[in-house]
């Protein structure tokens, strides 16, 4: 299994550097190989596509869903990533969706945050320090 960094996915999606894109295409077409995508890479990918490439939320959601549908890709916790993508589609940042999911998975009784998006999304779970 080979872990993939964000820049590999950016080349795959944007195809903005022909030389690097050829290398990525060759790597990802390696027979019988699987690729690991850490959660942090997915969060960074969503941020880079939005900020540096102007992708819309719908376009990013489509990219993330396509990665989830690949049979040669393994995630830290696929169900957590799927839940985070669903939250992203509903308006939460992907990184925030991953944070929330990891807090639930760890059995936390709440999430301390000043982030208003958390409070809107999960008011019973999120605790604002006073």
N, C-alpha and C. Protein backbone atom coordinates (compact mmCIF):
# COMPACT_ATOMS: atom_id res chain seq x y z
N UNK A 1 0.84 -1.17 0.00
CA UNK A 1 0.00 0.00 0.00
C UNK A 1 0.90 1.24 0.00
N UNK A 2 0.49 2.23 -0.77
CA UNK A 2 1.24 3.48 -0.89
C UNK A 2 0.34 4.62 -0.41
N UNK A 3 0.83 5.40 0.54
CA UNK A 3 0.09 6.59 0.99
C UNK A 3 0.25 7.70 -0.04
N UNK A 4 -0.81 8.45 -0.23
CA UNK A 4 -0.80 9.55 -1.19
C UNK A 4 -0.85 10.89 -0.46
N UNK A 5 -0.01 11.81 -0.90
CA UNK A 5 -0.01 13.16 -0.37
C UNK A 5 -1.00 14.01 -1.17
N UNK A 6 -1.35 15.13 -0.61
CA UNK A 6 -2.33 16.03 -1.23
C UNK A 6 -1.91 16.43 -2.63
N UNK A 7 -0.63 16.73 -2.83
CA UNK A 7 -0.20 17.22 -4.15
C UNK A 7 -0.40 16.17 -5.24
N UNK A 8 -0.37 14.90 -4.90
CA UNK A 8 -0.64 13.84 -5.88
C UNK A 8 -2.10 13.93 -6.33
N UNK A 9 -2.99 14.10 -5.36
CA UNK A 9 -4.42 14.21 -5.69
C UNK A 9 -4.73 15.48 -6.47
N UNK A 10 -4.05 16.57 -6.12
CA UNK A 10 -4.26 17.83 -6.84
C UNK A 10 -3.87 17.65 -8.31
N UNK A 11 -2.74 16.99 -8.56
CA UNK A 11 -2.32 16.75 -9.96
C UNK A 11 -3.36 15.87 -10.68
N UNK A 12 -3.84 14.83 -10.00
CA UNK A 12 -4.84 13.93 -10.58
C UNK A 12 -6.10 14.68 -10.97
N UNK A 13 -6.52 15.58 -10.13
CA UNK A 13 -7.80 16.28 -10.33
C UNK A 13 -7.67 17.47 -11.27
N UNK A 14 -6.64 18.30 -11.06
CA UNK A 14 -6.53 19.53 -11.86
C UNK A 14 -5.77 19.34 -13.16
N UNK A 15 -4.86 18.34 -13.17
CA UNK A 15 -4.06 18.05 -14.36
C UNK A 15 -3.31 19.29 -14.85
N UNK A 16 -2.86 20.11 -13.91
CA UNK A 16 -2.26 21.40 -14.24
C UNK A 16 -0.75 21.36 -14.50
N UNK A 17 -0.14 20.21 -14.31
CA UNK A 17 1.28 20.05 -14.61
C UNK A 17 1.41 18.75 -15.40
N UNK A 18 1.60 18.86 -16.73
CA UNK A 18 1.59 17.66 -17.58
C UNK A 18 2.59 16.58 -17.16
N UNK A 19 3.80 16.97 -16.79
CA UNK A 19 4.80 15.99 -16.38
C UNK A 19 4.40 15.26 -15.11
N UNK A 20 4.00 16.02 -14.10
CA UNK A 20 3.57 15.40 -12.85
C UNK A 20 2.29 14.58 -13.04
N UNK A 21 1.40 15.06 -13.88
CA UNK A 21 0.15 14.33 -14.15
C UNK A 21 0.45 12.97 -14.77
N UNK A 22 1.40 12.91 -15.69
CA UNK A 22 1.78 11.60 -16.29
C UNK A 22 2.31 10.65 -15.21
N UNK A 23 3.12 11.18 -14.32
CA UNK A 23 3.65 10.36 -13.23
C UNK A 23 2.55 9.85 -12.31
N UNK A 24 1.61 10.71 -11.99
CA UNK A 24 0.48 10.31 -11.13
C UNK A 24 -0.37 9.26 -11.83
N UNK A 25 -0.66 9.49 -13.10
CA UNK A 25 -1.45 8.51 -13.86
C UNK A 25 -0.76 7.15 -13.89
N UNK A 26 0.56 7.15 -14.09
CA UNK A 26 1.30 5.89 -14.12
C UNK A 26 1.25 5.20 -12.75
N UNK A 27 1.46 5.98 -11.69
CA UNK A 27 1.41 5.42 -10.34
C UNK A 27 0.04 4.81 -10.05
N UNK A 28 -1.01 5.56 -10.33
CA UNK A 28 -2.35 5.11 -9.98
C UNK A 28 -2.88 3.99 -10.88
N UNK A 29 -2.17 3.70 -11.94
CA UNK A 29 -2.59 2.58 -12.80
C UNK A 29 -1.74 1.33 -12.54
N UNK A 30 -0.94 1.35 -11.48
CA UNK A 30 -0.14 0.19 -11.10
C UNK A 30 -1.07 -0.96 -10.76
N UNK A 31 -0.92 -2.09 -11.45
CA UNK A 31 -1.81 -3.23 -11.19
C UNK A 31 -1.69 -3.73 -9.75
N UNK A 32 -2.81 -4.07 -9.16
CA UNK A 32 -2.90 -4.68 -7.83
C UNK A 32 -2.32 -3.82 -6.71
N UNK A 33 -2.20 -2.53 -6.91
CA UNK A 33 -1.71 -1.64 -5.86
C UNK A 33 -2.89 -0.98 -5.17
N UNK A 34 -2.77 -0.72 -3.89
CA UNK A 34 -3.77 0.06 -3.17
C UNK A 34 -3.10 1.32 -2.64
N UNK A 35 -3.93 2.32 -2.41
CA UNK A 35 -3.44 3.63 -2.01
C UNK A 35 -4.17 4.09 -0.75
N UNK A 36 -3.41 4.60 0.20
CA UNK A 36 -3.94 5.04 1.47
C UNK A 36 -4.10 6.55 1.47
N UNK A 37 -5.29 7.01 1.87
CA UNK A 37 -5.54 8.45 1.98
C UNK A 37 -5.80 8.81 3.44
N UNK A 38 -4.83 9.43 4.09
CA UNK A 38 -5.04 9.89 5.46
C UNK A 38 -6.13 10.97 5.49
N UNK A 39 -6.86 11.03 6.59
CA UNK A 39 -7.92 12.03 6.73
C UNK A 39 -7.39 13.44 6.50
N UNK A 40 -6.21 13.74 7.02
CA UNK A 40 -5.66 15.09 6.90
C UNK A 40 -5.42 15.46 5.44
N UNK A 41 -5.10 14.49 4.60
CA UNK A 41 -4.91 14.76 3.17
C UNK A 41 -6.24 15.18 2.54
N UNK A 42 -7.32 14.53 2.94
CA UNK A 42 -8.63 14.89 2.39
C UNK A 42 -9.03 16.30 2.81
N UNK A 43 -8.78 16.65 4.07
CA UNK A 43 -9.09 18.00 4.55
C UNK A 43 -8.27 19.04 3.80
N UNK A 44 -6.99 18.74 3.62
CA UNK A 44 -6.11 19.66 2.90
C UNK A 44 -6.54 19.77 1.43
N UNK A 45 -6.92 18.65 0.83
CA UNK A 45 -7.36 18.65 -0.56
C UNK A 45 -8.56 19.57 -0.74
N UNK A 46 -9.55 19.45 0.12
CA UNK A 46 -10.75 20.29 0.00
C UNK A 46 -10.36 21.77 0.11
N UNK A 47 -9.46 22.08 1.03
CA UNK A 47 -9.02 23.46 1.22
C UNK A 47 -8.27 23.97 -0.02
N UNK A 48 -7.33 23.18 -0.53
CA UNK A 48 -6.53 23.60 -1.69
C UNK A 48 -7.42 23.78 -2.93
N UNK A 49 -8.32 22.84 -3.16
CA UNK A 49 -9.19 22.96 -4.34
C UNK A 49 -10.07 24.20 -4.26
N UNK A 50 -10.56 24.53 -3.07
CA UNK A 50 -11.40 25.72 -2.92
C UNK A 50 -10.59 27.00 -3.01
N UNK A 51 -9.51 27.07 -2.26
CA UNK A 51 -8.75 28.32 -2.14
C UNK A 51 -7.84 28.60 -3.33
N UNK A 52 -7.15 27.57 -3.81
CA UNK A 52 -6.16 27.80 -4.87
C UNK A 52 -6.71 27.59 -6.27
N UNK A 53 -7.76 26.78 -6.40
CA UNK A 53 -8.26 26.44 -7.73
C UNK A 53 -9.70 26.89 -7.96
N UNK A 54 -10.33 27.47 -6.97
CA UNK A 54 -11.67 28.01 -7.14
C UNK A 54 -12.78 26.98 -7.34
N UNK A 55 -12.54 25.75 -6.89
CA UNK A 55 -13.58 24.73 -7.00
C UNK A 55 -14.75 25.10 -6.10
N UNK A 56 -15.95 24.83 -6.57
CA UNK A 56 -17.14 25.06 -5.76
C UNK A 56 -17.31 23.92 -4.76
N UNK A 57 -18.15 24.13 -3.78
CA UNK A 57 -18.45 23.08 -2.80
C UNK A 57 -19.00 21.84 -3.50
N UNK A 58 -19.86 22.03 -4.49
CA UNK A 58 -20.43 20.89 -5.23
C UNK A 58 -19.34 20.13 -5.98
N UNK A 59 -18.40 20.85 -6.59
CA UNK A 59 -17.31 20.20 -7.31
C UNK A 59 -16.41 19.42 -6.36
N UNK A 60 -16.13 19.99 -5.20
CA UNK A 60 -15.29 19.31 -4.22
C UNK A 60 -16.00 18.07 -3.69
N UNK A 61 -17.28 18.19 -3.42
CA UNK A 61 -18.06 17.03 -2.97
C UNK A 61 -18.02 15.91 -4.01
N UNK A 62 -18.08 16.27 -5.27
CA UNK A 62 -18.00 15.28 -6.36
C UNK A 62 -16.63 14.60 -6.37
N UNK A 63 -15.58 15.36 -6.19
CA UNK A 63 -14.21 14.80 -6.13
C UNK A 63 -14.10 13.83 -4.96
N UNK A 64 -14.56 14.25 -3.78
CA UNK A 64 -14.46 13.41 -2.59
C UNK A 64 -15.27 12.12 -2.75
N UNK A 65 -16.44 12.23 -3.33
CA UNK A 65 -17.28 11.05 -3.57
C UNK A 65 -16.60 10.11 -4.55
N UNK A 66 -15.98 10.65 -5.58
CA UNK A 66 -15.27 9.81 -6.56
C UNK A 66 -14.11 9.07 -5.89
N UNK A 67 -13.40 9.74 -4.98
CA UNK A 67 -12.31 9.07 -4.26
C UNK A 67 -12.86 7.95 -3.37
N UNK A 68 -13.99 8.21 -2.73
CA UNK A 68 -14.62 7.18 -1.88
C UNK A 68 -15.08 5.98 -2.70
N UNK A 69 -15.40 6.20 -3.95
CA UNK A 69 -15.89 5.12 -4.82
C UNK A 69 -14.77 4.30 -5.46
N UNK A 70 -13.54 4.76 -5.34
CA UNK A 70 -12.41 4.01 -5.93
C UNK A 70 -12.16 2.74 -5.13
N UNK A 71 -12.01 1.64 -5.83
CA UNK A 71 -11.76 0.36 -5.18
C UNK A 71 -10.31 0.19 -4.73
N UNK A 72 -9.42 1.02 -5.28
CA UNK A 72 -8.00 0.90 -4.94
C UNK A 72 -7.56 1.88 -3.86
N UNK A 73 -8.51 2.54 -3.21
CA UNK A 73 -8.19 3.53 -2.19
C UNK A 73 -8.70 3.05 -0.83
N UNK A 74 -7.84 3.20 0.18
CA UNK A 74 -8.16 2.83 1.56
C UNK A 74 -8.09 4.10 2.40
N UNK A 75 -9.03 4.24 3.33
CA UNK A 75 -9.11 5.41 4.20
C UNK A 75 -8.83 5.00 5.64
N UNK A 76 -8.47 5.97 6.47
CA UNK A 76 -8.28 5.68 7.90
C UNK A 76 -9.56 5.07 8.47
N UNK A 77 -10.68 5.70 8.17
CA UNK A 77 -11.99 5.23 8.63
C UNK A 77 -13.00 5.67 7.58
N UNK A 78 -13.32 4.76 6.67
CA UNK A 78 -14.16 5.12 5.53
C UNK A 78 -15.53 5.64 5.95
N UNK A 79 -16.14 5.03 6.94
CA UNK A 79 -17.47 5.49 7.37
C UNK A 79 -17.40 6.91 7.94
N UNK A 80 -16.34 7.20 8.69
CA UNK A 80 -16.15 8.54 9.22
C UNK A 80 -15.98 9.54 8.08
N UNK A 81 -15.21 9.17 7.07
CA UNK A 81 -15.00 10.05 5.92
C UNK A 81 -16.31 10.26 5.18
N UNK A 82 -17.08 9.19 4.98
CA UNK A 82 -18.38 9.33 4.31
C UNK A 82 -19.30 10.27 5.08
N UNK A 83 -19.31 10.15 6.41
CA UNK A 83 -20.13 11.04 7.24
C UNK A 83 -19.64 12.48 7.12
N UNK A 84 -18.32 12.68 7.11
CA UNK A 84 -17.76 14.02 6.97
C UNK A 84 -18.11 14.63 5.62
N UNK A 85 -18.10 13.82 4.58
CA UNK A 85 -18.47 14.31 3.24
C UNK A 85 -19.95 14.69 3.23
N UNK A 86 -20.79 13.89 3.87
CA UNK A 86 -22.22 14.24 3.95
C UNK A 86 -22.39 15.58 4.69
N UNK A 87 -21.65 15.77 5.78
CA UNK A 87 -21.70 17.03 6.52
C UNK A 87 -21.18 18.18 5.66
N UNK A 88 -20.15 17.91 4.88
CA UNK A 88 -19.60 18.92 3.97
C UNK A 88 -20.65 19.35 2.95
N UNK A 89 -21.36 18.39 2.40
CA UNK A 89 -22.40 18.70 1.42
C UNK A 89 -23.49 19.57 2.06
N UNK A 90 -23.72 19.38 3.35
CA UNK A 90 -24.73 20.15 4.08
C UNK A 90 -24.20 21.48 4.61
N UNK A 91 -22.91 21.78 4.38
CA UNK A 91 -22.41 23.10 4.72
C UNK A 91 -21.26 23.17 5.72
N UNK A 92 -20.90 22.07 6.35
CA UNK A 92 -19.79 22.09 7.30
C UNK A 92 -18.47 21.93 6.53
N UNK A 93 -17.40 22.53 7.01
CA UNK A 93 -16.09 22.31 6.40
C UNK A 93 -15.73 20.83 6.54
N UNK A 94 -14.98 20.30 5.57
CA UNK A 94 -14.59 18.89 5.64
C UNK A 94 -13.74 18.63 6.87
N UNK A 95 -12.79 19.50 7.16
CA UNK A 95 -11.95 19.31 8.34
C UNK A 95 -12.81 19.28 9.60
N UNK A 96 -13.81 20.15 9.68
CA UNK A 96 -14.69 20.17 10.84
C UNK A 96 -15.51 18.89 10.93
N UNK A 97 -15.96 18.38 9.80
CA UNK A 97 -16.69 17.12 9.79
C UNK A 97 -15.84 15.97 10.29
N UNK A 98 -14.57 15.97 9.90
CA UNK A 98 -13.65 14.93 10.37
C UNK A 98 -13.39 15.08 11.87
N UNK A 99 -13.23 16.30 12.33
CA UNK A 99 -13.01 16.54 13.76
C UNK A 99 -14.21 16.04 14.57
N UNK A 100 -15.39 16.38 14.12
CA UNK A 100 -16.61 15.97 14.80
C UNK A 100 -16.73 14.44 14.83
N UNK A 101 -16.50 13.82 13.69
CA UNK A 101 -16.58 12.36 13.60
C UNK A 101 -15.56 11.67 14.49
N UNK A 102 -14.35 12.20 14.53
CA UNK A 102 -13.32 11.59 15.38
C UNK A 102 -13.66 11.76 16.86
N UNK A 103 -14.26 12.88 17.21
CA UNK A 103 -14.67 13.08 18.60
C UNK A 103 -15.74 12.06 18.99
N UNK A 104 -16.72 11.85 18.12
CA UNK A 104 -17.77 10.85 18.39
C UNK A 104 -17.15 9.45 18.48
N UNK A 105 -16.29 9.13 17.51
CA UNK A 105 -15.69 7.80 17.47
C UNK A 105 -14.84 7.52 18.70
N UNK A 106 -14.24 8.56 19.25
CA UNK A 106 -13.42 8.39 20.45
C UNK A 106 -14.26 8.29 21.72
N UNK A 107 -15.57 8.45 21.58
CA UNK A 107 -16.46 8.34 22.73
C UNK A 107 -16.53 9.60 23.57
N UNK A 108 -16.16 10.73 22.99
CA UNK A 108 -16.19 11.99 23.73
C UNK A 108 -17.63 12.36 24.08
N UNK A 109 -17.80 13.01 25.22
CA UNK A 109 -19.13 13.46 25.63
C UNK A 109 -19.48 14.81 25.01
N UNK A 110 -18.50 15.47 24.42
CA UNK A 110 -18.74 16.75 23.79
C UNK A 110 -17.48 17.23 23.08
N UNK A 111 -17.62 18.33 22.37
CA UNK A 111 -16.51 18.95 21.66
C UNK A 111 -16.45 20.41 22.08
N UNK A 112 -15.36 20.82 22.69
CA UNK A 112 -15.19 22.22 23.09
C UNK A 112 -14.70 23.01 21.88
N UNK A 113 -15.44 24.06 21.55
CA UNK A 113 -15.06 24.87 20.40
C UNK A 113 -15.76 26.22 20.45
N UNK A 114 -15.11 27.20 19.85
CA UNK A 114 -15.73 28.51 19.65
C UNK A 114 -16.29 28.63 18.24
N UNK A 115 -16.14 27.60 17.42
CA UNK A 115 -16.55 27.60 16.02
C UNK A 115 -18.08 27.58 15.92
N UNK A 116 -18.63 28.62 15.34
CA UNK A 116 -20.09 28.74 15.21
C UNK A 116 -20.69 27.64 14.34
N UNK A 117 -19.93 27.17 13.35
CA UNK A 117 -20.48 26.12 12.47
C UNK A 117 -20.73 24.83 13.24
N UNK A 118 -19.85 24.52 14.19
CA UNK A 118 -20.08 23.35 15.04
C UNK A 118 -21.34 23.54 15.87
N UNK A 119 -21.48 24.73 16.44
CA UNK A 119 -22.63 25.02 17.29
C UNK A 119 -23.94 24.91 16.51
N UNK A 120 -23.95 25.38 15.27
CA UNK A 120 -25.16 25.28 14.44
C UNK A 120 -25.46 23.83 14.07
N UNK A 121 -24.41 23.08 13.78
CA UNK A 121 -24.57 21.71 13.31
C UNK A 121 -24.94 20.74 14.43
N UNK A 122 -24.28 20.84 15.55
CA UNK A 122 -24.45 19.89 16.66
C UNK A 122 -24.52 20.61 18.00
N UNK A 123 -25.57 21.40 18.23
CA UNK A 123 -25.61 22.21 19.45
C UNK A 123 -25.61 21.40 20.74
N UNK A 124 -26.13 20.18 20.72
CA UNK A 124 -26.15 19.37 21.94
C UNK A 124 -24.79 18.76 22.25
N UNK A 125 -23.93 18.63 21.26
CA UNK A 125 -22.63 17.99 21.43
C UNK A 125 -21.51 19.01 21.69
N UNK A 126 -21.66 20.19 21.11
CA UNK A 126 -20.60 21.19 21.16
C UNK A 126 -20.75 22.05 22.41
N UNK A 127 -19.64 22.28 23.07
CA UNK A 127 -19.62 23.08 24.29
C UNK A 127 -18.71 24.28 24.11
N UNK A 128 -19.25 25.43 24.28
CA UNK A 128 -18.46 26.66 24.19
C UNK A 128 -17.95 27.02 25.58
N UNK A 129 -16.63 27.06 25.75
CA UNK A 129 -16.07 27.43 27.06
C UNK A 129 -16.50 28.86 27.44
N UNK A 130 -16.82 29.02 28.70
CA UNK A 130 -17.24 30.35 29.19
C UNK A 130 -16.30 30.79 30.29
